[in-house]
Amino acid sequence: MYVIARIGHPSGSGLTWTRPGHHTIMGIGTSIFLIAVGAVLRFAVTATVSGIALATVGTILIIVGVIGLVVSLVFLMQAGRRGTVATRERVTERDPYA
């Protein structure tokens, strides 16, 4: 069972879906991937499968991908307005014999 644990993960934007011991992020990349796969199923695949309409599956994937993309972009914009600054510590080592 998957549960939405928190919205807007520090390492990126998107919804965080959690399962005990697992953390994944549905972000911009995943959304674009869903849109691309959905478009291929909707417009390029002409094969038929008994009991399932591939064009309908493609349309559903496109819709889910667009929703995920919009949500990811909204949270990315909100993070920018909050003034969140990512800091990185730089460690430089010097040769003691030089």
Protein backbone atom coordinates (compact mmCIF):
# COMPACT_ATOMS: atom_id res chain seq x y z
CA MET A 1 0.00 0.00 0.00
CA TYR A 2 1.36 3.40 -1.00
CA VAL A 3 0.69 6.54 0.98
CA ILE A 4 1.50 10.16 0.22
CA ALA A 5 3.90 10.96 3.03
CA ARG A 6 4.89 14.54 2.30
CA ILE A 7 4.78 17.01 -0.51
CA GLY A 8 7.95 18.67 -1.72
CA HIS A 9 10.99 16.58 -0.89
CA PRO A 10 14.25 18.45 -0.06
CA SER A 11 16.14 16.68 -2.85
CA GLY A 12 13.70 17.71 -5.57
CA SER A 13 10.15 18.61 -6.37
CA GLY A 14 7.18 16.32 -6.56
CA LEU A 15 5.03 14.00 -4.56
CA THR A 16 6.75 11.58 -2.28
CA TRP A 17 5.13 8.15 -2.28
CA THR A 18 6.33 5.93 0.51
CA ARG A 19 6.18 2.30 1.39
CA PRO A 20 7.78 1.09 4.61
CA GLY A 21 11.52 1.31 4.00
CA HIS A 22 11.24 2.81 0.50
CA HIS A 23 11.19 6.41 -0.77
CA THR A 24 10.68 7.46 -4.37
CA ILE A 25 9.80 10.78 -5.96
CA MET A 26 7.44 11.35 -8.86
CA GLY A 27 8.97 14.42 -10.35
CA ILE A 28 9.38 16.15 -13.65
CA GLY A 29 11.37 13.33 -15.27
CA THR A 30 8.84 10.67 -14.36
CA SER A 31 6.00 12.83 -15.61
CA ILE A 32 7.69 13.41 -18.96
CA PHE A 33 8.36 9.67 -19.24
CA LEU A 34 4.68 8.88 -18.61
CA ILE A 35 3.62 11.44 -21.21
CA ALA A 36 6.04 9.96 -23.76
CA VAL A 37 4.95 6.35 -23.17
CA GLY A 38 1.30 7.40 -23.25
CA ALA A 39 1.81 9.23 -26.54
CA VAL A 40 3.46 6.20 -28.09
CA LEU A 41 0.59 3.96 -26.99
CA ARG A 42 -2.02 6.49 -28.08
CA PHE A 43 -0.68 7.51 -31.48
CA ALA A 44 1.94 4.99 -32.67
CA VAL A 45 0.85 1.52 -31.60
CA THR A 46 -1.60 -0.14 -33.96
CA ALA A 47 -1.56 -3.59 -32.36
CA THR A 48 -4.67 -4.88 -30.64
CA VAL A 49 -4.83 -6.73 -27.36
CA SER A 50 -7.87 -8.72 -26.34
CA GLY A 51 -9.70 -7.05 -23.48
CA ILE A 52 -7.73 -3.81 -23.37
CA ALA A 53 -7.72 -0.70 -25.51
CA LEU A 54 -4.12 0.48 -25.83
CA ALA A 55 -5.21 3.92 -27.03
CA THR A 56 -7.21 4.35 -23.80
CA VAL A 57 -4.22 3.26 -21.70
CA GLY A 58 -2.10 5.79 -23.59
CA THR A 59 -4.59 8.56 -22.93
CA ILE A 60 -4.67 7.72 -19.22
CA LEU A 61 -0.86 7.78 -19.03
CA ILE A 62 -0.77 11.15 -20.78
CA ILE A 63 -3.30 12.59 -18.33
CA VAL A 64 -1.45 11.21 -15.28
CA GLY A 65 1.85 12.53 -16.65
CA VAL A 66 0.44 16.01 -17.26
CA ILE A 67 -1.06 16.13 -13.76
CA GLY A 68 2.26 15.02 -12.25
CA LEU A 69 4.14 17.60 -14.30
CA VAL A 70 1.83 20.42 -13.22
CA VAL A 71 2.04 19.41 -9.55
CA SER A 72 5.84 19.14 -9.75
CA LEU A 73 6.15 22.57 -11.35
CA VAL A 74 3.80 24.15 -8.79
CA PHE A 75 5.88 22.81 -5.93
CA LEU A 76 9.09 23.82 -7.67
CA MET A 77 7.76 27.39 -8.01
CA GLN A 78 6.68 27.46 -4.36
CA ALA A 79 10.11 26.29 -3.22
CA GLY A 80 11.64 29.15 -5.20
CA ARG A 81 9.37 31.71 -3.51
CA ARG A 82 10.22 30.49 -0.02
CA GLY A 83 13.80 31.47 -0.56
CA THR A 84 15.13 27.97 -0.06
CA VAL A 85 18.86 27.95 -0.58
CA ALA A 86 20.79 24.79 -1.19
CA THR A 87 24.23 24.96 0.34
CA ARG A 88 27.09 22.67 -0.48
CA GLU A 89 30.17 22.31 1.65
CA ARG A 90 33.38 22.44 -0.33
CA VAL A 91 36.30 20.50 1.03
CA THR A 92 39.73 21.10 -0.40
CA GLU A 93 42.70 19.05 0.65
CA ARG A 94 46.18 20.41 0.28
CA ASP A 95 49.30 18.40 -0.14
CA PRO A 96 51.23 18.81 3.14
CA TYR A 97 54.53 18.21 1.29
CA ALA A 98 54.07 20.87 -1.37
